[in-house]
Amino acid sequence: MKNQIIKSSQVLLLSSFQNQKETFCRYVNRIYFFLMKLNIEYPGFAGWYYNKVIPNITKTNQKDILLFLVNETIAGVSIIKAEDEERKICTLMVNSNFRKNGIGMILFNKSFEILGTEKPVLTISENRITEFSKLFSYYGFEMASVCNNYYKEGMSEYCFNGNLHGDFYKRESIILDKNKQFVNFI
C-alpha cells in the first residue's frame, strides 16, 4: 500500500499556482478546510492562515505551502516560512487516512530542502509532544524552550531548533459564504 500511495502522489508548492487565480484560490480554501481543526489548539489559526500565510505567499515569497496529493486528495500539508532571520516549519499535518506511509518524512525532507536547513525552527503543543517525539529524535531536533500560554491559555508550546519570534498571531473572526468559502474578516 505504501509504495502504491507514493507512486500515485505529487508534491506541489502552492506558490506555483499564483498565476492561476481560480486554482490558487481553490487550493487555499481546500488546504484551510484540511487544517481547520487546528483552530482548537491554536485559536486564531484561521486569521493567521488568511492574514499572514496567504499574503506572504503572494506578496513576499516568505511563506509557502507544500501540498502532498494522492489522486487529488490532500494527504499532507507543510506550511513553511523562509525569512532571513528565521527558517521555520509552521505547520505540518498528514491526513489520518494516509499516516504510516512516510508522507510526513517526505514533507519534512522537502521542507528542509526548500528552507535550506535540516534544523528549521518548529514548535509543537504539549498535546502532541509525545506523538512526535520519535520523529524529532530521528531528525536530531533539540528543544530550545517552552512557551507557556503563547498560542492558547493554559497550553505550553515546545520550541525546537530555536525560539519563537514575533508576536502571537491575532485572533480574528472570518466570514464564510454559503459554500463555506473565505469571504472577509470581521
N, C-alpha and C. Protein backbone atom coordinates (compact mmCIF):
# COMPACT_ATOMS: atom_id res chain seq x y z
N MET A 1 0.83 -1.20 0.00
CA MET A 1 0.00 0.00 0.00
C MET A 1 0.87 1.26 0.00
N LYS A 2 1.94 1.27 0.82
CA LYS A 2 2.81 2.44 0.93
C LYS A 2 3.38 2.83 -0.43
N ASN A 3 3.94 1.87 -1.16
CA ASN A 3 4.52 2.17 -2.48
C ASN A 3 3.46 2.64 -3.46
N GLN A 4 2.27 2.08 -3.37
CA GLN A 4 1.18 2.48 -4.26
C GLN A 4 0.78 3.93 -4.01
N ILE A 5 0.72 4.32 -2.74
CA ILE A 5 0.37 5.71 -2.39
C ILE A 5 1.44 6.66 -2.91
N ILE A 6 2.69 6.33 -2.69
CA ILE A 6 3.77 7.19 -3.13
C ILE A 6 3.78 7.32 -4.66
N LYS A 7 3.53 6.23 -5.39
CA LYS A 7 3.52 6.27 -6.86
C LYS A 7 2.41 7.15 -7.40
N SER A 8 1.27 7.19 -6.72
CA SER A 8 0.13 7.97 -7.22
C SER A 8 0.06 9.35 -6.59
N SER A 9 1.19 9.83 -6.07
CA SER A 9 1.20 11.11 -5.37
C SER A 9 2.00 12.16 -6.11
N GLN A 10 1.80 13.39 -5.67
CA GLN A 10 2.61 14.50 -6.14
C GLN A 10 2.75 15.52 -5.03
N VAL A 11 3.89 16.18 -4.99
CA VAL A 11 4.13 17.25 -4.02
C VAL A 11 4.20 18.55 -4.80
N LEU A 12 3.32 19.48 -4.43
CA LEU A 12 3.22 20.75 -5.13
C LEU A 12 3.47 21.91 -4.17
N LEU A 13 3.94 23.01 -4.69
CA LEU A 13 4.04 24.25 -3.94
C LEU A 13 2.85 25.12 -4.31
N LEU A 14 2.15 25.63 -3.31
CA LEU A 14 1.00 26.49 -3.58
C LEU A 14 1.42 27.70 -4.42
N SER A 15 2.60 28.23 -4.18
CA SER A 15 3.07 29.41 -4.93
C SER A 15 3.14 29.16 -6.43
N SER A 16 3.25 27.92 -6.84
CA SER A 16 3.33 27.63 -8.28
C SER A 16 2.01 27.90 -9.00
N PHE A 17 0.94 28.16 -8.25
CA PHE A 17 -0.37 28.44 -8.84
C PHE A 17 -0.76 29.91 -8.75
N GLN A 18 0.17 30.78 -8.38
CA GLN A 18 -0.15 32.20 -8.21
C GLN A 18 -0.72 32.84 -9.48
N ASN A 19 -0.27 32.39 -10.62
CA ASN A 19 -0.74 32.97 -11.88
C ASN A 19 -2.00 32.30 -12.40
N GLN A 20 -2.53 31.35 -11.65
CA GLN A 20 -3.78 30.67 -11.99
C GLN A 20 -4.75 30.93 -10.84
N LYS A 21 -5.33 32.12 -10.84
CA LYS A 21 -6.09 32.59 -9.69
C LYS A 21 -7.16 31.61 -9.20
N GLU A 22 -7.94 31.06 -10.09
CA GLU A 22 -9.02 30.15 -9.69
C GLU A 22 -8.46 28.90 -9.00
N THR A 23 -7.43 28.32 -9.58
CA THR A 23 -6.80 27.13 -8.99
C THR A 23 -6.17 27.48 -7.65
N PHE A 24 -5.46 28.62 -7.61
CA PHE A 24 -4.83 29.07 -6.37
C PHE A 24 -5.87 29.22 -5.26
N CYS A 25 -6.95 29.93 -5.52
CA CYS A 25 -8.00 30.15 -4.51
C CYS A 25 -8.66 28.84 -4.08
N ARG A 26 -8.87 27.95 -5.03
CA ARG A 26 -9.47 26.66 -4.68
C ARG A 26 -8.56 25.89 -3.73
N TYR A 27 -7.24 25.88 -4.01
CA TYR A 27 -6.30 25.20 -3.11
C TYR A 27 -6.21 25.90 -1.76
N VAL A 28 -6.22 27.23 -1.75
CA VAL A 28 -6.17 27.97 -0.48
C VAL A 28 -7.31 27.51 0.42
N ASN A 29 -8.52 27.42 -0.11
CA ASN A 29 -9.67 27.01 0.70
C ASN A 29 -9.62 25.52 1.04
N ARG A 30 -9.22 24.68 0.11
CA ARG A 30 -9.11 23.24 0.40
C ARG A 30 -8.10 22.98 1.51
N ILE A 31 -6.96 23.66 1.44
CA ILE A 31 -5.94 23.50 2.47
C ILE A 31 -6.47 23.97 3.82
N TYR A 32 -7.14 25.13 3.84
CA TYR A 32 -7.68 25.61 5.12
C TYR A 32 -8.65 24.59 5.72
N PHE A 33 -9.56 24.08 4.93
CA PHE A 33 -10.53 23.13 5.48
C PHE A 33 -9.87 21.83 5.92
N PHE A 34 -8.77 21.47 5.30
CA PHE A 34 -7.99 20.32 5.74
C PHE A 34 -7.37 20.59 7.11
N LEU A 35 -6.93 21.82 7.34
CA LEU A 35 -6.22 22.20 8.57
C LEU A 35 -7.11 22.82 9.64
N MET A 36 -8.38 23.07 9.34
CA MET A 36 -9.20 23.90 10.23
C MET A 36 -9.35 23.38 11.65
N LYS A 37 -9.15 22.08 11.88
CA LYS A 37 -9.25 21.58 13.25
C LYS A 37 -8.13 22.12 14.13
N LEU A 38 -7.11 22.72 13.52
CA LEU A 38 -6.05 23.34 14.30
C LEU A 38 -6.54 24.54 15.09
N ASN A 39 -7.70 25.09 14.71
CA ASN A 39 -8.28 26.20 15.48
C ASN A 39 -8.54 25.81 16.93
N ILE A 40 -8.70 24.52 17.20
CA ILE A 40 -8.94 24.05 18.57
C ILE A 40 -7.70 24.26 19.44
N GLU A 41 -6.54 23.87 18.92
CA GLU A 41 -5.30 24.01 19.68
C GLU A 41 -4.67 25.39 19.50
N TYR A 42 -4.97 26.02 18.39
CA TYR A 42 -4.39 27.32 18.07
C TYR A 42 -5.50 28.31 17.73
N PRO A 43 -6.14 28.88 18.76
CA PRO A 43 -7.20 29.86 18.49
C PRO A 43 -6.64 30.98 17.62
N GLY A 44 -7.36 31.35 16.63
CA GLY A 44 -6.88 32.37 15.71
C GLY A 44 -6.15 31.80 14.51
N PHE A 45 -6.12 30.49 14.39
CA PHE A 45 -5.43 29.86 13.26
C PHE A 45 -5.96 30.39 11.93
N ALA A 46 -7.26 30.52 11.81
CA ALA A 46 -7.85 30.99 10.54
C ALA A 46 -7.34 32.38 10.18
N GLY A 47 -7.31 33.28 11.15
CA GLY A 47 -6.81 34.63 10.90
C GLY A 47 -5.35 34.62 10.49
N TRP A 48 -4.54 33.80 11.16
CA TRP A 48 -3.12 33.68 10.81
C TRP A 48 -2.98 33.15 9.38
N TYR A 49 -3.73 32.11 9.07
CA TYR A 49 -3.64 31.48 7.75
C TYR A 49 -4.00 32.47 6.64
N TYR A 50 -5.14 33.15 6.78
CA TYR A 50 -5.60 34.04 5.72
C TYR A 50 -4.93 35.42 5.74
N ASN A 51 -4.49 35.91 6.93
CA ASN A 51 -3.89 37.24 7.03
C ASN A 51 -2.37 37.24 6.92
N LYS A 52 -1.74 36.15 7.31
CA LYS A 52 -0.27 36.09 7.31
C LYS A 52 0.27 35.16 6.23
N VAL A 53 -0.18 33.92 6.24
CA VAL A 53 0.39 32.92 5.34
C VAL A 53 0.10 33.26 3.88
N ILE A 54 -1.17 33.38 3.53
CA ILE A 54 -1.53 33.57 2.12
C ILE A 54 -0.94 34.86 1.55
N PRO A 55 -1.06 36.02 2.23
CA PRO A 55 -0.42 37.23 1.68
C PRO A 55 1.10 37.10 1.55
N ASN A 56 1.74 36.37 2.46
CA ASN A 56 3.19 36.20 2.37
C ASN A 56 3.59 35.25 1.25
N ILE A 57 2.68 34.45 0.77
CA ILE A 57 2.95 33.64 -0.41
C ILE A 57 2.86 34.52 -1.66
N THR A 58 1.81 35.32 -1.72
CA THR A 58 1.55 36.09 -2.94
C THR A 58 2.36 37.38 -3.05
N LYS A 59 2.75 37.97 -1.92
CA LYS A 59 3.41 39.28 -1.98
C LYS A 59 4.90 39.24 -1.67
N THR A 60 5.31 38.39 -0.74
CA THR A 60 6.71 38.46 -0.28
C THR A 60 7.51 37.20 -0.55
N ASN A 61 6.86 36.11 -0.88
CA ASN A 61 7.54 34.82 -1.06
C ASN A 61 8.26 34.35 0.19
N GLN A 62 7.86 34.86 1.36
CA GLN A 62 8.49 34.44 2.61
C GLN A 62 7.83 33.20 3.21
N LYS A 63 6.66 32.85 2.72
CA LYS A 63 5.99 31.64 3.17
C LYS A 63 5.55 30.86 1.93
N ASP A 64 5.35 29.56 2.14
CA ASP A 64 4.80 28.74 1.07
C ASP A 64 4.15 27.54 1.71
N ILE A 65 3.37 26.83 0.92
CA ILE A 65 2.69 25.63 1.41
C ILE A 65 3.03 24.48 0.48
N LEU A 66 3.59 23.43 1.08
CA LEU A 66 3.81 22.18 0.35
C LEU A 66 2.55 21.36 0.49
N LEU A 67 2.09 20.86 -0.61
CA LEU A 67 0.85 20.12 -0.66
C LEU A 67 1.15 18.72 -1.20
N PHE A 68 0.88 17.70 -0.39
CA PHE A 68 1.08 16.31 -0.80
C PHE A 68 -0.27 15.77 -1.22
N LEU A 69 -0.43 15.48 -2.51
CA LEU A 69 -1.70 15.00 -3.05
C LEU A 69 -1.58 13.55 -3.47
N VAL A 70 -2.62 12.79 -3.16
CA VAL A 70 -2.75 11.42 -3.65
C VAL A 70 -4.06 11.38 -4.42
N ASN A 71 -3.94 11.28 -5.74
CA ASN A 71 -5.13 11.30 -6.60
C ASN A 71 -6.06 12.47 -6.27
N GLU A 72 -5.50 13.67 -6.16
CA GLU A 72 -6.23 14.91 -5.87
C GLU A 72 -6.76 15.01 -4.44
N THR A 73 -6.52 14.02 -3.59
CA THR A 73 -6.89 14.10 -2.17
C THR A 73 -5.71 14.67 -1.40
N ILE A 74 -5.98 15.64 -0.53
CA ILE A 74 -4.91 16.19 0.29
C ILE A 74 -4.51 15.13 1.32
N ALA A 75 -3.28 14.65 1.20
CA ALA A 75 -2.75 13.65 2.12
C ALA A 75 -1.84 14.28 3.16
N GLY A 76 -1.33 15.48 2.87
CA GLY A 76 -0.46 16.15 3.82
C GLY A 76 -0.17 17.57 3.38
N VAL A 77 0.19 18.39 4.37
CA VAL A 77 0.47 19.80 4.14
C VAL A 77 1.62 20.22 5.05
N SER A 78 2.51 21.05 4.52
CA SER A 78 3.55 21.69 5.32
C SER A 78 3.57 23.17 4.97
N ILE A 79 3.39 24.01 5.98
CA ILE A 79 3.48 25.46 5.80
C ILE A 79 4.87 25.86 6.27
N ILE A 80 5.62 26.50 5.38
CA ILE A 80 7.00 26.87 5.70
C ILE A 80 7.20 28.38 5.63
N LYS A 81 8.16 28.83 6.42
CA LYS A 81 8.49 30.25 6.50
C LYS A 81 9.99 30.40 6.24
N ALA A 82 10.34 31.15 5.20
CA ALA A 82 11.74 31.33 4.83
C ALA A 82 12.09 32.81 4.85
N GLU A 83 12.41 33.31 6.02
CA GLU A 83 12.85 34.70 6.16
C GLU A 83 14.33 34.70 6.48
N ASP A 84 14.98 35.83 6.29
CA ASP A 84 16.41 35.91 6.56
C ASP A 84 16.73 35.52 8.00
N GLU A 85 15.89 35.97 8.95
CA GLU A 85 16.17 35.73 10.36
C GLU A 85 15.54 34.45 10.90
N GLU A 86 14.70 33.79 10.11
CA GLU A 86 14.05 32.58 10.62
C GLU A 86 13.66 31.63 9.48
N ARG A 87 14.03 30.39 9.65
CA ARG A 87 13.62 29.29 8.76
C ARG A 87 12.78 28.37 9.63
N LYS A 88 11.51 28.22 9.28
CA LYS A 88 10.59 27.53 10.19
C LYS A 88 9.59 26.67 9.44
N ILE A 89 9.29 25.51 10.01
CA ILE A 89 8.13 24.74 9.60
C ILE A 89 7.02 25.17 10.55
N CYS A 90 6.07 25.92 10.03
CA CYS A 90 4.99 26.47 10.85
C CYS A 90 3.93 25.43 11.17
N THR A 91 3.61 24.61 10.20
CA THR A 91 2.55 23.62 10.34
C THR A 91 2.91 22.41 9.47
N LEU A 92 2.70 21.24 10.02
CA LEU A 92 2.85 20.02 9.23
C LEU A 92 1.78 19.05 9.70
N MET A 93 0.95 18.61 8.76
CA MET A 93 -0.13 17.69 9.11
C MET A 93 -0.30 16.66 8.00
N VAL A 94 -0.52 15.41 8.42
CA VAL A 94 -0.79 14.33 7.48
C VAL A 94 -2.21 13.84 7.74
N ASN A 95 -2.96 13.67 6.68
CA ASN A 95 -4.32 13.15 6.73
C ASN A 95 -4.31 11.80 7.46
N SER A 96 -5.20 11.63 8.42
CA SER A 96 -5.23 10.39 9.22
C SER A 96 -5.39 9.14 8.36
N ASN A 97 -6.01 9.25 7.21
CA ASN A 97 -6.17 8.09 6.32
C ASN A 97 -4.88 7.69 5.61
N PHE A 98 -3.86 8.55 5.68
CA PHE A 98 -2.62 8.29 4.96
C PHE A 98 -1.40 8.20 5.89
N ARG A 99 -1.62 8.19 7.18
CA ARG A 99 -0.49 8.11 8.12
C ARG A 99 0.18 6.75 8.04
N LYS A 100 1.44 6.70 8.48
CA LYS A 100 2.26 5.47 8.48
C LYS A 100 2.65 5.06 7.07
N ASN A 101 2.70 6.05 6.15
CA ASN A 101 3.11 5.78 4.78
C ASN A 101 4.34 6.60 4.36
N GLY A 102 4.96 7.28 5.31
CA GLY A 102 6.15 8.07 5.00
C GLY A 102 5.89 9.46 4.48
N ILE A 103 4.63 9.87 4.46
CA ILE A 103 4.29 11.19 3.91
C ILE A 103 4.86 12.31 4.79
N GLY A 104 4.79 12.15 6.10
CA GLY A 104 5.36 13.16 7.00
C GLY A 104 6.85 13.35 6.76
N MET A 105 7.56 12.25 6.58
CA MET A 105 9.00 12.34 6.33
C MET A 105 9.28 12.99 4.96
N ILE A 106 8.48 12.68 3.97
CA ILE A 106 8.64 13.32 2.65
C ILE A 106 8.43 14.82 2.78
N LEU A 107 7.39 15.22 3.51
CA LEU A 107 7.12 16.65 3.70
C LEU A 107 8.24 17.32 4.50
N PHE A 108 8.72 16.64 5.56
CA PHE A 108 9.84 17.21 6.32
C PHE A 108 11.04 17.41 5.40
N ASN A 109 11.42 16.38 4.66
CA ASN A 109 12.61 16.46 3.82
C ASN A 109 12.49 17.50 2.72
N LYS A 110 11.32 17.61 2.11
CA LYS A 110 11.10 18.62 1.08
C LYS A 110 11.13 20.02 1.71
N SER A 111 10.57 20.15 2.92
CA SER A 111 10.61 21.42 3.63
C SER A 111 12.06 21.82 3.93
N PHE A 112 12.88 20.85 4.39
CA PHE A 112 14.29 21.13 4.66
C PHE A 112 14.99 21.64 3.39
N GLU A 113 14.70 20.99 2.29
CA GLU A 113 15.33 21.34 1.02
C GLU A 113 14.99 22.79 0.63
N ILE A 114 13.73 23.15 0.71
CA ILE A 114 13.30 24.50 0.33
C ILE A 114 13.83 25.54 1.31
N LEU A 115 13.82 25.21 2.61
CA LEU A 115 14.30 26.14 3.63
C LEU A 115 15.82 26.25 3.67
N GLY A 116 16.50 25.27 3.09
CA GLY A 116 17.96 25.30 3.09
C GLY A 116 18.58 24.93 4.43
N THR A 117 17.85 24.17 5.24
CA THR A 117 18.38 23.72 6.53
C THR A 117 17.69 22.43 6.95
N GLU A 118 18.42 21.59 7.64
CA GLU A 118 17.84 20.37 8.21
C GLU A 118 17.43 20.59 9.67
N LYS A 119 17.62 21.80 10.16
CA LYS A 119 17.25 22.14 11.53
C LYS A 119 16.40 23.41 11.58
N PRO A 120 15.25 23.40 10.92
CA PRO A 120 14.40 24.59 10.99
C PRO A 120 13.77 24.71 12.38
N VAL A 121 13.37 25.91 12.72
CA VAL A 121 12.61 26.12 13.94
C VAL A 121 11.25 25.47 13.75
N LEU A 122 10.75 24.84 14.77
CA LEU A 122 9.38 24.35 14.77
C LEU A 122 8.91 24.23 16.20
N THR A 123 7.61 24.31 16.34
CA THR A 123 7.02 24.21 17.68
C THR A 123 5.91 23.17 17.64
N ILE A 124 5.60 22.69 18.82
CA ILE A 124 4.53 21.71 18.93
C ILE A 124 3.86 21.89 20.29
N SER A 125 2.55 21.71 20.31
CA SER A 125 1.81 21.89 21.56
C SER A 125 2.05 20.71 22.49
N GLU A 126 1.85 20.96 23.77
CA GLU A 126 2.05 19.90 24.76
C GLU A 126 1.14 18.70 24.50
N ASN A 127 0.03 18.90 23.81
CA ASN A 127 -0.87 17.79 23.50
C ASN A 127 -0.29 16.83 22.48
N ARG A 128 0.68 17.27 21.70
CA ARG A 128 1.21 16.46 20.61
C ARG A 128 2.68 16.06 20.79
N ILE A 129 3.30 16.52 21.86
CA ILE A 129 4.74 16.29 22.03
C ILE A 129 5.10 14.81 22.04
N THR A 130 4.31 13.98 22.69
CA THR A 130 4.59 12.54 22.74
C THR A 130 4.44 11.92 21.36
N GLU A 131 3.45 12.34 20.64
CA GLU A 131 3.17 11.83 19.29
C GLU A 131 4.34 12.04 18.33
N PHE A 132 5.07 13.14 18.49
CA PHE A 132 6.14 13.49 17.57
C PHE A 132 7.55 13.25 18.13
N SER A 133 7.67 12.78 19.35
CA SER A 133 8.98 12.67 19.98
C SER A 133 9.95 11.76 19.21
N LYS A 134 9.49 10.65 18.69
CA LYS A 134 10.37 9.75 17.94
C LYS A 134 10.85 10.40 16.64
N LEU A 135 9.97 11.08 15.97
CA LEU A 135 10.33 11.75 14.73
C LEU A 135 11.34 12.86 14.98
N PHE A 136 11.13 13.65 16.03
CA PHE A 136 12.06 14.72 16.35
C PHE A 136 13.41 14.15 16.75
N SER A 137 13.41 13.06 17.46
CA SER A 137 14.65 12.38 17.83
C SER A 137 15.37 11.87 16.59
N TYR A 138 14.64 11.29 15.67
CA TYR A 138 15.20 10.79 14.41
C TYR A 138 15.96 11.89 13.67
N TYR A 139 15.38 13.08 13.61
CA TYR A 139 15.99 14.19 12.90
C TYR A 139 17.00 14.96 13.76
N GLY A 140 17.13 14.60 15.02
CA GLY A 140 18.09 15.27 15.90
C GLY A 140 17.66 16.67 16.30
N PHE A 141 16.36 16.93 16.32
CA PHE A 141 15.86 18.23 16.74
C PHE A 141 16.12 18.40 18.24
N GLU A 142 16.52 19.60 18.62
CA GLU A 142 16.80 19.89 20.02
C GLU A 142 15.81 20.90 20.56
N MET A 143 15.24 20.59 21.74
CA MET A 143 14.31 21.52 22.36
C MET A 143 15.08 22.74 22.84
N ALA A 144 14.61 23.91 22.45
CA ALA A 144 15.27 25.16 22.81
C ALA A 144 14.56 25.88 23.94
N SER A 145 13.23 25.76 23.99
CA SER A 145 12.48 26.45 25.04
C SER A 145 11.05 25.93 25.10
N VAL A 146 10.37 26.32 26.15
CA VAL A 146 8.95 26.03 26.31
C VAL A 146 8.25 27.36 26.54
N CYS A 147 7.26 27.65 25.74
CA CYS A 147 6.50 28.90 25.88
C CYS A 147 5.12 28.57 26.45
N ASN A 148 4.84 29.12 27.60
CA ASN A 148 3.54 28.90 28.23
C ASN A 148 2.56 29.96 27.77
N ASN A 149 1.34 29.55 27.47
CA ASN A 149 0.26 30.45 27.10
C ASN A 149 0.55 31.27 25.84
N TYR A 150 1.41 30.79 24.98
CA TYR A 150 1.78 31.57 23.80
C TYR A 150 0.65 31.59 22.77
N TYR A 151 0.16 30.43 22.41
CA TYR A 151 -0.92 30.34 21.44
C TYR A 151 -2.28 30.15 22.08
N LYS A 152 -2.29 29.47 23.23
CA LYS A 152 -3.55 29.17 23.89
C LYS A 152 -3.35 29.22 25.40
N GLU A 153 -4.27 29.86 26.07
CA GLU A 153 -4.22 29.98 27.52
C GLU A 153 -4.21 28.58 28.15
N GLY A 154 -3.26 28.36 29.05
CA GLY A 154 -3.17 27.08 29.75
C GLY A 154 -2.46 25.98 28.98
N MET A 155 -1.86 26.32 27.84
CA MET A 155 -1.20 25.33 26.99
C MET A 155 0.26 25.75 26.76
N SER A 156 1.15 24.79 26.84
CA SER A 156 2.56 25.05 26.56
C SER A 156 2.90 24.67 25.13
N GLU A 157 3.79 25.43 24.55
CA GLU A 157 4.29 25.17 23.20
C GLU A 157 5.79 24.89 23.32
N TYR A 158 6.22 23.74 22.81
CA TYR A 158 7.61 23.33 22.87
C TYR A 158 8.32 23.78 21.59
N CYS A 159 9.43 24.49 21.77
CA CYS A 159 10.17 25.05 20.64
C CYS A 159 11.43 24.22 20.39
N PHE A 160 11.64 23.83 19.14
CA PHE A 160 12.80 23.04 18.75
C PHE A 160 13.65 23.82 17.76
N ASN A 161 14.97 23.66 17.88
CA ASN A 161 15.96 24.24 16.97
C ASN A 161 15.96 25.76 16.96
N GLY A 162 15.40 26.38 17.94
CA GLY A 162 15.35 27.83 18.03
C GLY A 162 14.13 28.27 18.81
N ASN A 163 13.96 29.55 18.92
CA ASN A 163 12.85 30.10 19.70
C ASN A 163 11.85 30.81 18.81
N LEU A 164 10.67 31.03 19.34
CA LEU A 164 9.63 31.76 18.61
C LEU A 164 10.02 33.22 18.47
N HIS A 165 9.74 33.78 17.31
CA HIS A 165 9.98 35.21 17.05
C HIS A 165 8.64 35.87 16.79
N GLY A 166 8.56 37.13 17.08
CA GLY A 166 7.35 37.88 16.75
C GLY A 166 6.25 37.69 17.77
N ASP A 167 5.18 38.37 17.49
CA ASP A 167 4.03 38.36 18.38
C ASP A 167 3.09 37.22 18.07
N PHE A 168 2.33 36.90 19.06
CA PHE A 168 1.25 35.93 18.91
C PHE A 168 0.33 36.42 17.80
N TYR A 169 -0.10 35.49 16.94
CA TYR A 169 -0.97 35.90 15.84
C TYR A 169 -2.31 36.40 16.36
N LYS A 170 -2.92 37.29 15.62
CA LYS A 170 -4.17 37.91 16.04
C LYS A 170 -5.32 36.92 15.97
N ARG A 171 -6.18 36.98 16.97
CA ARG A 171 -7.40 36.18 16.95
C ARG A 171 -8.46 36.99 16.23
N GLU A 172 -8.82 36.54 15.06
CA GLU A 172 -9.80 37.26 14.27
C GLU A 172 -10.87 36.30 13.80
N SER A 173 -12.02 36.84 13.56
CA SER A 173 -13.10 36.03 13.02
C SER A 173 -13.07 36.14 11.50
N ILE A 174 -13.49 35.08 10.84
CA ILE A 174 -13.58 35.14 9.39
C ILE A 174 -15.03 34.98 8.99
N ILE A 175 -15.34 35.50 7.83
CA ILE A 175 -16.68 35.36 7.28
C ILE A 175 -16.60 34.39 6.11
N LEU A 176 -17.48 33.40 6.11
CA LEU A 176 -17.55 32.43 5.02
C LEU A 176 -18.87 32.61 4.30
N ASP A 177 -18.88 32.38 2.99
CA ASP A 177 -20.13 32.45 2.26
C ASP A 177 -20.93 31.16 2.43
N LYS A 178 -22.07 31.04 1.76
CA LYS A 178 -22.94 29.88 1.93
C LYS A 178 -22.27 28.57 1.52
N ASN A 179 -21.24 28.65 0.68
CA ASN A 179 -20.49 27.46 0.28
C ASN A 179 -19.27 27.23 1.16
N LYS A 180 -19.22 27.95 2.28
CA LYS A 180 -18.12 27.86 3.25
C LYS A 180 -16.78 28.22 2.62
N GLN A 181 -16.80 29.23 1.77
CA GLN A 181 -15.58 29.74 1.15
C GLN A 181 -15.24 31.06 1.83
N PHE A 182 -13.96 31.35 1.94
CA PHE A 182 -13.48 32.57 2.56
C PHE A 182 -14.03 33.79 1.84
N VAL A 183 -14.55 34.74 2.61
CA VAL A 183 -15.06 35.98 2.02
C VAL A 183 -14.33 37.18 2.58
N ASN A 184 -14.31 37.30 3.91
CA ASN A 184 -13.73 38.50 4.51
C ASN A 184 -13.51 38.29 6.00
N PHE A 185 -12.78 39.23 6.61
CA PHE A 185 -12.56 39.20 8.05
C PHE A 185 -13.44 40.24 8.72
N ILE A 186 -13.82 39.95 9.94
CA ILE A 186 -14.58 40.91 10.74
C ILE A 186 -13.58 41.91 11.31
